[in-house]
Structure formats: C-alpha cells, structure tokens
Amino acid sequence: MRIGGLASGMDIDQIVSDLMKAERMPLDKLKQKKQILEWQRDDYREMNKLLQDLDTLVFDGIYRQSTFMKKTVTSSDESVVTAVATSVTANQTVEIGNITQLASAARWTSATITTTSGSVDPNAKLQDVTFTTGGGNFQFTSPITLTLNVTKPGSTTAETVDISIDPQNDSLNSIITKLNQNTNLGVSVFYDEFTKKMVMTKNETGSGASIEVVSGGDLLKALGFAIDSGTNMLQQDPGSGTNAKFTINGLETERTTNTFTINGMTYTLKNTTADKVTISTATDTDAIFNSIKAFVDKYNETIDKINAKLKEERYRDYPPLTDEQKEAMTDKQIELWEEKARSGMLRGDSILSSGLSKMRMDLYTKVEGSNITSGFSQLAEIGITTSPNYLDGGKLIIDETKLREKIQENPDAVYRLFNNDSTNYSEKGIARRLRDTIKDTIGKIEQKAGKTIWTNQQFAIGRDLNDINDQIKRFEDHLKEVEDRYWRQFTAMEEAIQRANQQSMYLMNAFGGGMQG
C-alpha cells in the first residue's frame, strides 16, 4: 500500500519520480547503445543491398556472353524474310531464296451442318438434335467416346486421344471447348454460324499431321467432317499442312515452320519469292557499349555511396534520444537530432574499406592467360580509366570513342577481358573477380549484421542485441525493486508521521482538557 504524502504533506510521487530518474540513467544508456547497434545493423544491410544490386547488374549484363554477341541484322527484303541473331559469334552473310512454299497448318473444314429443324443451335443439348448432314440421320442419346490417333507434323508416331461426350449435357459449343482444351489433340476449332461449318486447324504448321478416327466417327460425320473409308483418316483440306520450301546459300531444304534457327540465326519467312534475299549481321556496338556503361555507372554509384558512409561524420554529442527527451521535443527537432545521432555508424569500417580496396584491385590488375588478346588485357586498354581526382574514390571514366572502337574491333576479346574463366586470380576475368569480391564482402557483412530472415543469434550484432536486451530486462526488474523500496521507505515515514500526529493530538487534547477542569 502506497501513501502519497497525506501525513507529511510532501509530493511523494514527484520525489520518487525524481529519484528514479537518477536510478534510470544506466537503463537509458543501455537503450541508447541498443539503438546505435540497430542503426549500425540497418546501415550494414543497406550497404549489402547496394552490393547485391551491383552483383545482379553485373550478372545480367557484362557477365553474360550473349551481351557481347549482340548483332544488328539487316534483310534486303523484310517483306519476304526477317532474321534475329540469337547466338551468333562471327558476322555472316546468308542468302535465302526460291521460297516456293510457306509452312501452313493442317486444316479440316466440315460440310454445312444440317438438322431436321432446319437450324443449328450451338447451345442445344446433343440429345435434342437430329443431324441430317451428308444425307443421313444422326441422333445421340448414349455417352460417346471419341477416340483419335493424332500424328503431329514431322512425326511418324501417333498419340491416342480420348474425349468423352455426354449427349444429355454436351452441346456443339461444349464439344468445341473440349476439343480446344485437349493439349494432346493440339487443334483450334470454331463454328461459323453464317456458313454453318466447323473448322479444325492444327496448332503446329508443317506436313505430316493426321487424325485417324478410331471410335465416335458418327459424331464427326454428323458435324460434317469427311472420313476416308479406307484409312479412317479425317480428310484434310487440300493445300493445308505444308512445309516451307526454300534455298539457303543455294541448298534446297524444308522446314515444318516458317520460323527456324540455323547457326545461331533465327529466320522468319513471310512470303514466297523466286528472288534471293540477303541477310547480313554486324556487331551491335551500341548495345554492347550500353551494357558496359551501365556497369560503370552502377559501380561508380555503389562505391560513391559506400565511400560516403565510410567518411560520414560521427557526432558523439548527439546520442539517441530517450523517450522522455522525445516527449519534450517537436517532430522536426527529433528528426534533426536523429539525423546527426545516426550519422557515422559505419565511419572507417574495416569490412567495407577492405571490400572497396579489393574491388579496385580486381578492376586494375592485368588479366593474363592464353585466351587474352593483346591490347585487351586491362580496362585502360579498352578506354576505361580511373578518375584522376582522388576525392572521387576510384570512380571509373569511359573514353567512349576508344571503347566503341575496341568493341567493333573484337567484341569477343572484350568479353574475355571481363569473363575469362580460371581458378588462377591473374587469369580470371574482371567481372568474375569482382563478383567473387562482392560475394565475400556480402558474406562478411552478413556475419556482422545478418539479414532479415536470420535470427539475432546468427550474427554478431544480433548476439550483442540479445545481450543488451537481457541486461535491459534485468535492470528493469532491478528498477522495479528500487522503486518499491523507495515507496516502502516513504510509506513507513508517512505511517510514522501519522502516528506522531495522532500522539500529538492525543496529548494536546489531554492537556487541554486538564486545564479546563
């Protein structure tokens, strides 16, 4: 039971509060230390994100051989043939001509569908319709299994396809849906209400496609499709299902599709012609240059931000604010204070400093080895040098004219400068060295500051935070005991004063009563 100055007239609450402020100072120090560790952890993770972003850009850009194989492709007649370079190393010129036939998909068109009612309702249940297509009468009341042996263009092996039809529930539209959705059948089907015909088209182009009817033939006949009586094959539309026929550099050949790839070039035939169309490739200097420039810009941005953190001023006169201090300040004052308080968390950090030094060495160390072409063994030789201003912290500068010339001269040599593969550091390409250093630096930072999915116990700052949290909990328990002790002492004082007051009143009453007698 706490007695708050009823007997003494003292503001015990305020006295205890003031006493506890002094007792709480070590706790505030612990909380400030915790805040500094959290800021440091967050800053480390921010640096790791910068490094990870740089690594991703390197991997998606200058690390890929395809980046340095980019070609511009020209066609002497794009209305007939176009091409895209997919994996071409050397520049080439190809002649495609005498395109006598384009590849087309096999197609089956039905006769006009007729019924006893004289009209065709695509949504009517099959059991409610009597078909008269082809002069016969077809009415379906029992379940039907449509079994087809389907051969793809260019294949000699048929695949059996079963499609179940329920006349009580299925209509012409639902049958079409089932045909379209069967990936093994591989066709696109539609019904044209104007002509009252169905068209079924193979999804792949090329000759050799066929559909053999094993069972359910009457349903297909009712829907107007002709079936060869000798082979049980659906009768294909004349002129459909053809291969593309053409010559390439004088060689007569065929393809099942109008788009095909030869020696890393993907060609698309668009029209027939008796003439020759010339396809030429050239190094896409702009695309390769832009990929290298994107790397240089990202590298400069990354080391600029890391250097800024390493040089950031540490204001030790601005410790983290306590809760009581924040209550006495405006939001703007808190913002300005904390801007200084959290400044310099990574000032002079050895992990980051070492990482930057290693990255600079990765970039400037000569790449050796038998795969490296003379004049392409260092960045400076292809027009990439270091800024002469020491304040730039090792930023890279591009001589655009020289770099473009080197790319045009030998793009493969530029690729090997960045990506030569070796276990020997001196023979390893610049991009590979850089990625190794980034990975190593990220790993060291993670051991120090972890990552979001890690528990505190898995990294150094996290373990320090756990220790401080334990200290804070113990100290808070201690403060509770101290506060209780203060209150017990003041309560005892109040009770003593109360008893003294009672005795004094008793004596006064006693003496006062005697004098009156």
Protein backbone atom coordinates (compact mmCIF):
# COMPACT_ATOMS: atom_id res chain seq x y z
CA MET A 1 0.00 0.00 0.00
CA ARG A 2 1.42 3.38 -1.08
CA ILE A 3 0.67 6.53 0.91
CA GLY A 4 1.37 9.65 -1.13
CA GLY A 5 2.14 12.39 1.40
CA LEU A 6 -1.17 12.51 3.26
CA ALA A 7 0.55 12.88 6.62
CA SER A 8 3.72 14.74 5.65
CA GLY A 9 2.19 16.98 3.00
CA MET A 10 5.11 16.10 0.72
CA ASP A 11 4.64 15.21 -3.03
CA ILE A 12 5.94 11.68 -2.66
CA ASP A 13 5.06 10.78 -6.26
CA GLN A 14 7.30 13.54 -7.57
CA ILE A 15 10.08 12.73 -5.12
CA VAL A 16 10.11 9.05 -6.10
CA SER A 17 9.93 10.01 -9.79
CA ASP A 18 12.95 12.30 -9.41
CA LEU A 19 14.87 9.66 -7.51
CA MET A 20 14.07 7.09 -10.18
CA LYS A 21 15.37 9.40 -12.91
CA ALA A 22 18.80 9.10 -11.44
CA GLU A 23 18.39 5.36 -10.98
CA ARG A 24 17.19 5.00 -14.56
CA MET A 25 20.22 6.66 -16.19
CA PRO A 26 22.14 3.37 -16.72
CA LEU A 27 18.99 1.93 -18.35
CA ASP A 28 18.83 4.89 -20.75
CA LYS A 29 22.47 4.25 -21.64
CA LEU A 30 21.67 0.62 -22.43
CA LYS A 31 18.72 1.62 -24.62
CA GLN A 32 20.89 4.16 -26.43
CA LYS A 33 23.53 1.51 -27.02
CA LYS A 34 20.83 -0.80 -28.37
CA GLN A 35 19.60 1.91 -30.72
CA ILE A 36 23.12 2.52 -32.05
CA LEU A 37 23.55 -1.21 -32.74
CA GLU A 38 20.23 -1.31 -34.59
CA TRP A 39 21.20 1.70 -36.69
CA GLN A 40 24.55 0.11 -37.44
CA ARG A 41 22.87 -3.17 -38.40
CA ASP A 42 20.46 -1.35 -40.74
CA ASP A 43 23.28 0.63 -42.37
CA TYR A 44 25.28 -2.55 -42.94
CA ARG A 45 22.26 -4.16 -44.59
CA GLU A 46 21.78 -1.09 -46.77
CA MET A 47 25.38 -1.48 -47.97
CA ASN A 48 24.75 -5.16 -48.67
CA LYS A 49 21.74 -4.24 -50.80
CA LEU A 50 23.94 -1.86 -52.81
CA LEU A 51 26.49 -4.63 -53.37
CA GLN A 52 23.79 -7.15 -54.23
CA ASP A 53 22.27 -4.75 -56.77
CA LEU A 54 25.70 -4.26 -58.36
CA ASP A 55 26.26 -8.02 -58.50
CA THR A 56 22.85 -8.55 -60.13
CA LEU A 57 23.57 -5.92 -62.78
CA VAL A 58 26.98 -7.49 -63.50
CA PHE A 59 25.40 -10.95 -63.78
CA ASP A 60 22.62 -9.77 -66.10
CA GLY A 61 24.98 -7.64 -68.20
CA ILE A 62 28.73 -7.92 -68.70
CA TYR A 63 28.87 -11.41 -67.13
CA ARG A 64 26.83 -12.94 -69.97
CA GLN A 65 28.46 -13.92 -73.24
CA SER A 66 25.23 -13.04 -75.07
CA THR A 67 25.81 -9.40 -74.09
CA PHE A 68 28.93 -9.31 -76.26
CA MET A 69 27.36 -11.31 -79.09
CA LYS A 70 24.62 -8.81 -79.84
CA LYS A 71 24.25 -8.20 -83.55
CA THR A 72 22.32 -5.90 -85.81
CA VAL A 73 20.64 -7.83 -88.61
CA THR A 74 19.61 -6.41 -91.98
CA SER A 75 17.48 -8.03 -94.67
CA SER A 76 17.47 -6.90 -98.28
CA ASP A 77 13.69 -7.54 -98.32
CA GLU A 78 11.98 -7.64 -94.94
CA SER A 79 8.61 -8.29 -96.58
CA VAL A 80 9.96 -11.73 -97.53
CA VAL A 81 12.50 -12.72 -94.85
CA THR A 82 13.46 -11.25 -91.47
CA ALA A 83 16.06 -12.55 -89.04
CA VAL A 84 17.25 -12.17 -85.46
CA ALA A 85 20.75 -13.05 -84.23
CA THR A 86 20.33 -15.28 -81.17
CA SER A 87 23.79 -16.76 -80.61
CA VAL A 88 25.99 -15.64 -83.47
CA THR A 89 29.68 -15.11 -82.75
CA ALA A 90 31.18 -14.10 -86.11
CA ASN A 91 29.42 -11.75 -88.51
CA GLN A 92 27.90 -13.51 -91.51
CA THR A 93 26.01 -13.02 -94.74
CA VAL A 94 23.34 -15.54 -95.78
CA GLU A 95 21.23 -15.77 -98.95
CA ILE A 96 17.72 -17.22 -98.74
CA GLY A 97 15.77 -17.57 -101.98
CA ASN A 98 13.47 -19.55 -104.19
CA ILE A 99 10.82 -19.69 -101.47
CA THR A 100 8.25 -21.75 -103.34
CA GLN A 101 6.03 -22.58 -100.38
CA LEU A 102 5.40 -21.34 -96.85
CA ALA A 103 4.67 -23.69 -93.97
CA SER A 104 0.98 -23.98 -93.17
CA ALA A 105 -1.08 -25.84 -90.59
CA ALA A 106 -3.19 -28.86 -91.45
CA ARG A 107 -6.86 -27.88 -91.61
CA TRP A 108 -10.11 -29.82 -91.66
CA THR A 109 -13.30 -27.99 -92.74
CA SER A 110 -16.69 -29.61 -92.31
CA ALA A 111 -19.57 -29.62 -94.75
CA THR A 112 -22.58 -27.46 -93.92
CA ILE A 113 -24.17 -28.83 -90.76
CA THR A 114 -27.89 -29.53 -91.17
CA THR A 115 -30.63 -30.70 -88.79
CA THR A 116 -34.28 -31.77 -89.04
CA SER A 117 -35.32 -28.43 -87.51
CA GLY A 118 -33.60 -26.57 -90.33
CA SER A 119 -31.43 -24.57 -87.95
CA VAL A 120 -28.37 -25.19 -85.77
CA ASP A 121 -28.45 -24.08 -82.14
CA PRO A 122 -24.84 -24.29 -80.81
CA ASN A 123 -26.15 -24.39 -77.25
CA ALA A 124 -28.76 -27.12 -77.73
CA LYS A 125 -28.12 -30.42 -75.93
CA LEU A 126 -26.89 -33.09 -78.32
CA GLN A 127 -29.75 -35.49 -77.44
CA ASP A 128 -32.29 -32.88 -78.53
CA VAL A 129 -30.87 -32.51 -82.06
CA THR A 130 -31.21 -34.78 -85.08
CA PHE A 131 -28.45 -34.10 -87.60
CA THR A 132 -29.08 -34.68 -91.32
CA THR A 133 -25.61 -33.70 -92.51
CA GLY A 134 -24.48 -35.76 -95.51
CA GLY A 135 -27.96 -37.12 -96.09
CA GLY A 136 -28.05 -39.36 -93.01
CA ASN A 137 -29.95 -39.04 -89.75
CA PHE A 138 -27.84 -38.90 -86.60
CA GLN A 139 -29.33 -38.66 -83.11
CA PHE A 140 -27.24 -39.29 -80.00
CA THR A 141 -28.67 -40.31 -76.63
CA SER A 142 -25.92 -42.53 -75.14
CA PRO A 143 -22.46 -41.41 -73.96
CA ILE A 144 -19.86 -41.25 -76.74
CA THR A 145 -16.10 -41.81 -76.51
CA LEU A 146 -14.34 -40.01 -79.33
CA THR A 147 -11.02 -41.84 -79.80
CA LEU A 148 -8.47 -40.36 -82.19
CA ASN A 149 -4.92 -41.30 -83.19
CA VAL A 150 -3.17 -37.95 -83.65
CA THR A 151 0.12 -37.54 -85.54
CA LYS A 152 2.00 -34.24 -85.26
CA PRO A 153 3.72 -32.57 -88.25
CA GLY A 154 7.09 -34.16 -88.97
CA SER A 155 6.34 -37.14 -86.70
CA THR A 156 5.68 -40.79 -87.58
CA THR A 157 4.27 -41.76 -84.17
CA ALA A 158 0.58 -41.32 -83.37
CA GLU A 159 -0.74 -40.46 -79.92
CA THR A 160 -4.15 -41.74 -78.82
CA VAL A 161 -6.60 -39.11 -77.58
CA ASP A 162 -9.91 -39.92 -75.82
CA ILE A 163 -12.64 -37.30 -75.43
CA SER A 164 -15.85 -38.16 -73.57
CA ILE A 165 -19.12 -36.67 -74.88
CA ASP A 166 -22.39 -36.77 -72.88
CA PRO A 167 -25.40 -36.07 -75.16
CA GLN A 168 -27.55 -35.19 -72.12
CA ASN A 169 -25.24 -32.35 -71.12
CA ASP A 170 -22.98 -31.51 -74.07
CA SER A 171 -23.84 -29.12 -76.87
CA LEU A 172 -21.98 -28.15 -80.04
CA ASN A 173 -20.28 -25.32 -78.12
CA SER A 174 -19.18 -27.55 -75.22
CA ILE A 175 -17.83 -30.15 -77.69
CA ILE A 176 -15.77 -27.41 -79.34
CA THR A 177 -14.48 -26.38 -75.91
CA LYS A 178 -13.41 -29.94 -75.12
CA LEU A 179 -11.60 -30.23 -78.46
CA ASN A 180 -9.79 -26.91 -77.93
CA GLN A 181 -8.76 -27.71 -74.38
CA ASN A 182 -7.21 -31.09 -75.19
CA THR A 183 -3.48 -30.30 -75.49
CA ASN A 184 -2.64 -33.72 -76.95
CA LEU A 185 -5.10 -33.18 -79.79
CA GLY A 186 -3.50 -29.78 -80.37
CA VAL A 187 -6.10 -28.09 -82.54
CA SER A 188 -8.10 -24.86 -82.66
CA VAL A 189 -11.77 -25.36 -83.51
CA PHE A 190 -14.57 -22.89 -84.19
CA TYR A 191 -18.13 -22.96 -85.61
CA ASP A 192 -19.18 -20.30 -88.10
CA GLU A 193 -22.89 -19.52 -87.78
CA PHE A 194 -23.04 -17.85 -91.20
CA THR A 195 -21.80 -20.85 -93.21
CA LYS A 196 -22.86 -23.40 -90.58
CA LYS A 197 -19.45 -25.05 -90.89
CA MET A 198 -16.81 -26.10 -88.39
CA VAL A 199 -13.09 -25.53 -88.95
CA MET A 200 -10.42 -27.52 -87.10
CA THR A 201 -6.81 -26.32 -87.52
CA LYS A 202 -3.64 -27.93 -86.16
CA ASN A 203 -1.75 -25.67 -83.80
CA GLU A 204 1.60 -26.59 -85.41
CA THR A 205 2.49 -25.94 -89.03
CA GLY A 206 4.11 -28.47 -91.34
CA SER A 207 3.29 -31.55 -93.36
CA GLY A 208 2.60 -34.98 -91.96
CA ALA A 209 -0.16 -34.09 -89.50
CA SER A 210 -3.07 -36.53 -89.47
CA ILE A 211 -6.06 -37.59 -87.38
CA GLU A 212 -7.25 -41.20 -87.51
CA VAL A 213 -10.76 -41.87 -86.19
CA VAL A 214 -10.84 -45.00 -84.01
CA SER A 215 -14.30 -44.52 -82.47
CA GLY A 216 -17.00 -41.85 -82.40
CA GLY A 217 -16.91 -41.42 -86.17
CA ASP A 218 -20.68 -40.93 -86.45
CA LEU A 219 -20.45 -37.81 -84.27
CA LEU A 220 -17.80 -36.35 -86.56
CA LYS A 221 -19.89 -37.24 -89.65
CA ALA A 222 -22.92 -35.58 -88.06
CA LEU A 223 -20.77 -32.47 -87.62
CA GLY A 224 -19.89 -32.54 -91.32
CA PHE A 225 -16.35 -33.97 -91.30
CA ALA A 226 -15.41 -36.44 -94.03
CA ILE A 227 -13.68 -39.68 -93.02
CA ASP A 228 -11.77 -41.76 -95.57
CA SER A 229 -13.43 -45.16 -95.61
CA GLY A 230 -10.19 -47.00 -96.33
CA THR A 231 -7.85 -45.35 -93.80
CA ASN A 232 -10.36 -43.88 -91.30
CA MET A 233 -8.45 -40.61 -91.60
CA LEU A 234 -10.17 -37.25 -91.37
CA GLN A 235 -9.95 -35.77 -94.86
CA GLN A 236 -7.63 -32.76 -94.75
CA ASP A 237 -8.31 -29.58 -96.73
CA PRO A 238 -6.28 -29.51 -99.97
CA GLY A 239 -3.19 -27.30 -99.80
CA SER A 240 -3.06 -27.21 -95.99
CA GLY A 241 -0.41 -28.80 -93.78
CA THR A 242 2.65 -27.93 -95.84
CA ASN A 243 6.37 -27.44 -95.16
CA ALA A 244 8.22 -24.28 -96.04
CA LYS A 245 10.40 -24.88 -99.11
CA PHE A 246 13.36 -22.64 -99.92
CA THR A 247 17.09 -22.49 -100.57
CA ILE A 248 19.73 -21.22 -98.14
CA ASN A 249 23.07 -20.36 -99.71
CA GLY A 250 21.98 -22.44 -102.71
CA LEU A 251 20.95 -25.56 -100.74
CA GLU A 252 17.35 -26.70 -101.25
CA THR A 253 15.72 -27.54 -97.94
CA GLU A 254 12.44 -27.63 -96.00
CA ARG A 255 11.17 -26.70 -92.55
CA THR A 256 7.91 -27.51 -90.77
CA THR A 257 7.65 -23.90 -89.58
CA ASN A 258 8.21 -20.51 -91.14
CA THR A 259 10.45 -19.56 -88.21
CA PHE A 260 13.57 -21.63 -87.74
CA THR A 261 17.13 -21.31 -86.39
CA ILE A 262 20.36 -22.11 -88.24
CA ASN A 263 23.83 -21.38 -86.79
CA GLY A 264 22.51 -19.02 -84.14
CA MET A 265 20.31 -17.03 -86.58
CA THR A 266 16.53 -17.22 -86.30
CA TYR A 267 14.84 -16.62 -89.66
CA THR A 268 11.18 -15.90 -90.38
CA LEU A 269 9.77 -16.49 -93.87
CA LYS A 270 6.89 -14.15 -94.72
CA ASN A 271 6.24 -14.55 -98.45
CA THR A 272 7.14 -16.72 -101.40
CA THR A 273 9.62 -15.41 -103.95
CA ALA A 274 11.85 -16.58 -106.74
CA ASP A 275 14.47 -13.97 -105.86
CA LYS A 276 17.28 -14.12 -103.31
CA VAL A 277 17.12 -12.20 -100.06
CA THR A 278 20.42 -11.30 -98.39
CA ILE A 279 20.62 -11.41 -94.57
CA SER A 280 23.68 -9.71 -93.04
CA THR A 281 24.85 -9.33 -89.44
CA ALA A 282 27.09 -6.74 -87.84
CA THR A 283 28.32 -6.17 -84.29
CA ASP A 284 25.77 -4.15 -82.31
CA THR A 285 28.33 -1.77 -80.88
CA ASP A 286 25.72 0.45 -79.25
CA ALA A 287 24.09 -2.40 -77.31
CA ILE A 288 27.45 -3.74 -76.05
CA PHE A 289 28.65 -0.23 -75.19
CA ASN A 290 25.46 0.49 -73.27
CA SER A 291 25.85 -2.71 -71.21
CA ILE A 292 29.42 -1.78 -70.24
CA LYS A 293 28.39 1.81 -69.50
CA ALA A 294 25.53 0.57 -67.29
CA PHE A 295 28.08 -1.46 -65.30
CA VAL A 296 30.46 1.50 -64.94
CA ASP A 297 27.61 3.81 -63.85
CA LYS A 298 26.36 1.27 -61.28
CA TYR A 299 29.88 0.62 -59.99
CA ASN A 300 30.51 4.36 -59.59
CA GLU A 301 27.18 4.83 -57.83
CA THR A 302 27.90 1.94 -55.46
CA ILE A 303 31.40 2.96 -54.41
CA ASP A 304 30.25 6.59 -54.10
CA LYS A 305 27.58 5.62 -51.57
CA ILE A 306 29.91 3.26 -49.68
CA ASN A 307 32.66 5.89 -49.54
CA ALA A 308 30.13 8.41 -48.26
CA LYS A 309 29.25 6.04 -45.40
CA LEU A 310 32.91 5.45 -44.61
CA LYS A 311 33.56 9.20 -44.41
CA GLU A 312 30.29 10.17 -42.71
CA GLU A 313 30.81 12.41 -39.65
CA ARG A 314 30.19 10.85 -36.24
CA TYR A 315 28.51 13.28 -33.83
CA ARG A 316 29.14 11.79 -30.41
CA ASP A 317 27.49 14.78 -28.72
CA TYR A 318 24.20 13.61 -30.24
CA PRO A 319 23.33 10.30 -28.57
CA PRO A 320 20.00 8.60 -29.35
CA LEU A 321 17.07 10.35 -27.68
CA THR A 322 15.30 8.78 -24.72
CA ASP A 323 11.53 8.53 -24.66
CA GLU A 324 11.30 11.39 -22.15
CA GLN A 325 13.50 13.59 -24.32
CA LYS A 326 11.33 12.91 -27.36
CA GLU A 327 8.22 13.90 -25.43
CA ALA A 328 9.74 17.34 -24.82
CA MET A 329 10.65 17.92 -28.49
CA THR A 330 8.76 18.61 -31.72
CA ASP A 331 8.80 16.13 -34.61
CA LYS A 332 11.14 18.40 -36.59
CA GLN A 333 13.55 18.71 -33.64
CA ILE A 334 13.56 14.92 -33.27
CA GLU A 335 14.23 14.49 -36.99
CA LEU A 336 17.17 16.92 -36.99
CA TRP A 337 18.64 15.40 -33.83
CA GLU A 338 18.40 11.82 -35.05
CA GLU A 339 19.91 12.80 -38.39
CA LYS A 340 23.09 13.65 -36.51
CA ALA A 341 22.70 10.88 -33.95
CA ARG A 342 22.69 8.10 -36.55
CA SER A 343 25.39 9.67 -38.71
CA GLY A 344 28.74 7.89 -38.97
CA MET A 345 27.58 4.43 -37.90
CA LEU A 346 29.98 2.86 -40.43
CA ARG A 347 32.70 5.50 -40.39
CA GLY A 348 36.05 3.89 -41.27
CA ASP A 349 34.52 0.38 -41.24
CA SER A 350 37.19 -2.21 -42.00
CA ILE A 351 34.90 -4.66 -43.85
CA LEU A 352 33.71 -2.05 -46.32
CA SER A 353 37.14 -0.42 -46.68
CA SER A 354 38.73 -3.78 -47.40
CA GLY A 355 35.96 -4.64 -49.88
CA LEU A 356 36.45 -1.39 -51.82
CA SER A 357 40.22 -1.88 -51.93
CA LYS A 358 39.80 -5.42 -53.22
CA MET A 359 37.31 -4.29 -55.89
CA ARG A 360 39.75 -1.64 -57.11
CA MET A 361 42.49 -4.28 -57.34
CA ASP A 362 40.09 -6.60 -59.23
CA LEU A 363 39.48 -3.90 -61.83
CA TYR A 364 43.04 -2.71 -62.36
CA THR A 365 45.03 -5.95 -62.17
CA LYS A 366 46.01 -7.17 -65.62
CA VAL A 367 44.16 -10.24 -66.92
CA GLU A 368 46.67 -12.79 -68.19
CA GLY A 369 46.40 -16.12 -69.98
CA SER A 370 46.50 -17.63 -73.46
CA ASN A 371 42.84 -16.70 -74.08
CA ILE A 372 43.51 -13.00 -73.63
CA THR A 373 44.14 -10.99 -76.79
CA SER A 374 46.96 -8.46 -76.84
CA GLY A 375 45.54 -4.97 -76.27
CA PHE A 376 42.56 -6.38 -74.34
CA SER A 377 44.15 -7.33 -71.01
CA GLN A 378 43.33 -4.21 -68.93
CA LEU A 379 40.43 -1.82 -68.67
CA ALA A 380 42.65 1.11 -69.63
CA GLU A 381 43.41 -0.59 -72.95
CA ILE A 382 39.74 -0.52 -73.93
CA GLY A 383 39.15 3.06 -72.76
CA ILE A 384 38.11 2.69 -69.11
CA THR A 385 40.35 4.51 -66.62
CA THR A 386 40.27 5.80 -63.05
CA SER A 387 39.29 9.36 -62.25
CA PRO A 388 42.42 11.47 -61.58
CA ASN A 389 40.56 13.24 -58.76
CA TYR A 390 41.37 11.36 -55.54
CA LEU A 391 38.17 12.72 -54.00
CA ASP A 392 36.19 10.52 -56.42
CA GLY A 393 37.39 7.45 -54.52
CA GLY A 394 38.35 5.37 -57.55
CA LYS A 395 35.43 6.08 -59.88
CA LEU A 396 35.72 4.87 -63.47
CA ILE A 397 35.74 7.12 -66.53
CA ILE A 398 34.89 5.93 -70.05
CA ASP A 399 36.58 7.15 -73.21
CA GLU A 400 33.54 6.49 -75.41
CA THR A 401 35.37 6.70 -78.74
CA LYS A 402 38.09 4.25 -77.71
CA LEU A 403 35.67 1.81 -76.09
CA ARG A 404 33.45 1.74 -79.18
CA GLU A 405 36.50 1.14 -81.39
CA LYS A 406 37.62 -1.78 -79.22
CA ILE A 407 34.13 -3.30 -79.23
CA GLN A 408 33.95 -3.02 -83.01
CA GLU A 409 37.46 -4.44 -83.37
CA ASN A 410 36.96 -7.58 -81.28
CA PRO A 411 33.86 -7.95 -79.08
CA ASP A 412 34.88 -11.48 -78.09
CA ALA A 413 38.20 -10.19 -76.72
CA VAL A 414 36.29 -7.62 -74.65
CA TYR A 415 34.10 -10.43 -73.33
CA ARG A 416 37.14 -12.49 -72.28
CA LEU A 417 38.65 -9.45 -70.53
CA PHE A 418 35.58 -9.38 -68.32
CA ASN A 419 34.80 -13.09 -68.10
CA ASN A 420 37.85 -15.28 -68.76
CA ASP A 421 37.29 -18.35 -66.59
CA SER A 422 40.16 -19.64 -64.46
CA THR A 423 40.94 -20.74 -60.92
CA ASN A 424 44.06 -18.57 -61.11
CA TYR A 425 43.34 -14.99 -59.98
CA SER A 426 45.68 -13.40 -62.53
CA GLU A 427 43.88 -15.20 -65.38
CA LYS A 428 40.36 -14.63 -64.09
CA GLY A 429 38.22 -12.05 -65.91
CA ILE A 430 37.42 -8.73 -64.23
CA ALA A 431 33.69 -9.44 -63.82
CA ARG A 432 34.42 -12.84 -62.25
CA ARG A 433 36.94 -11.31 -59.82
CA LEU A 434 34.52 -8.56 -58.94
CA ARG A 435 31.64 -10.95 -58.27
CA ASP A 436 33.90 -13.07 -56.03
CA THR A 437 34.87 -9.98 -54.01
CA ILE A 438 31.27 -8.80 -53.76
CA LYS A 439 30.16 -12.25 -52.57
CA ASP A 440 32.97 -12.34 -49.98
CA THR A 441 32.16 -8.83 -48.72
CA ILE A 442 28.44 -9.56 -48.51
CA GLY A 443 29.22 -12.72 -46.54
CA LYS A 444 31.37 -10.82 -44.03
CA ILE A 445 28.71 -8.15 -43.59
CA GLU A 446 26.08 -10.83 -43.05
CA GLN A 447 28.21 -12.41 -40.34
CA LYS A 448 28.34 -8.97 -38.74
CA ALA A 449 24.81 -7.66 -39.39
CA GLY A 450 22.84 -10.65 -40.66
CA LYS A 451 19.87 -10.40 -42.98
CA THR A 452 16.15 -10.02 -42.41
CA ILE A 453 15.38 -13.76 -42.37
CA TRP A 454 18.09 -14.52 -39.79
CA THR A 455 17.58 -14.67 -36.04
CA ASN A 456 19.72 -12.46 -33.80
CA GLN A 457 21.72 -15.46 -32.66
CA GLN A 458 23.06 -15.96 -36.20
CA PHE A 459 25.13 -12.75 -36.46
CA ALA A 460 27.43 -10.68 -34.25
CA ILE A 461 25.34 -7.52 -33.82
CA GLY A 462 22.28 -9.69 -33.21
CA ARG A 463 24.04 -11.53 -30.38
CA ASP A 464 25.09 -8.15 -28.90
CA LEU A 465 21.46 -7.04 -29.13
CA ASN A 466 20.34 -10.18 -27.32
CA ASP A 467 22.87 -9.47 -24.54
CA ILE A 468 21.69 -5.87 -24.21
CA ASN A 469 18.04 -6.97 -24.18
CA ASP A 470 18.88 -9.34 -21.32
CA GLN A 471 20.67 -6.52 -19.48
CA ILE A 472 17.72 -4.20 -20.02
CA LYS A 473 15.29 -6.77 -18.68
CA ARG A 474 17.42 -7.40 -15.60
CA PHE A 475 17.87 -3.68 -14.98
CA GLU A 476 14.14 -3.03 -15.37
CA ASP A 477 13.49 -5.72 -12.75
CA HIS A 478 16.11 -4.03 -10.55
CA LEU A 479 14.43 -0.62 -11.03
CA LYS A 480 11.11 -2.08 -10.02
CA GLU A 481 12.66 -3.36 -6.81
CA VAL A 482 14.31 0.03 -6.14
CA GLU A 483 11.05 1.89 -6.74
CA ASP A 484 9.21 -0.49 -4.43
CA ARG A 485 11.89 0.08 -1.78
CA TYR A 486 11.56 3.85 -2.06
CA TRP A 487 7.81 3.59 -1.68
CA ARG A 488 8.14 1.27 1.31
CA GLN A 489 10.50 3.77 2.95
CA PHE A 490 8.27 6.76 2.28
CA THR A 491 5.21 4.79 3.30
CA ALA A 492 6.93 3.88 6.59
CA MET A 493 7.80 7.56 7.04
CA GLU A 494 4.20 8.57 6.38
CA GLU A 495 2.93 5.99 8.85
CA ALA A 496 5.43 7.22 11.48
CA ILE A 497 4.38 10.84 10.93
CA GLN A 498 0.76 9.77 11.14
CA ARG A 499 1.34 8.03 14.46
CA ALA A 500 3.27 11.06 15.76
CA ASN A 501 0.45 13.33 14.72
CA GLN A 502 -2.07 11.10 16.46
CA GLN A 503 0.03 11.06 19.66
CA SER A 504 0.47 14.83 19.48
CA MET A 505 -3.26 15.32 19.11
CA TYR A 506 -3.93 12.98 21.98
CA LEU A 507 -1.52 14.86 24.24
CA MET A 508 -2.93 18.20 23.23
CA ASN A 509 -6.42 17.01 23.95
CA ALA A 510 -5.33 15.53 27.24
CA PHE A 511 -3.52 18.66 28.46
CA GLY A 512 -6.15 20.95 27.12
CA GLY A 513 -8.88 19.01 28.93
CA GLY A 514 -6.95 19.10 32.28
CA MET A 515 -6.51 22.88 32.21
CA GLN A 516 -10.22 23.38 31.65
CA GLY A 517 -11.00 21.26 34.75
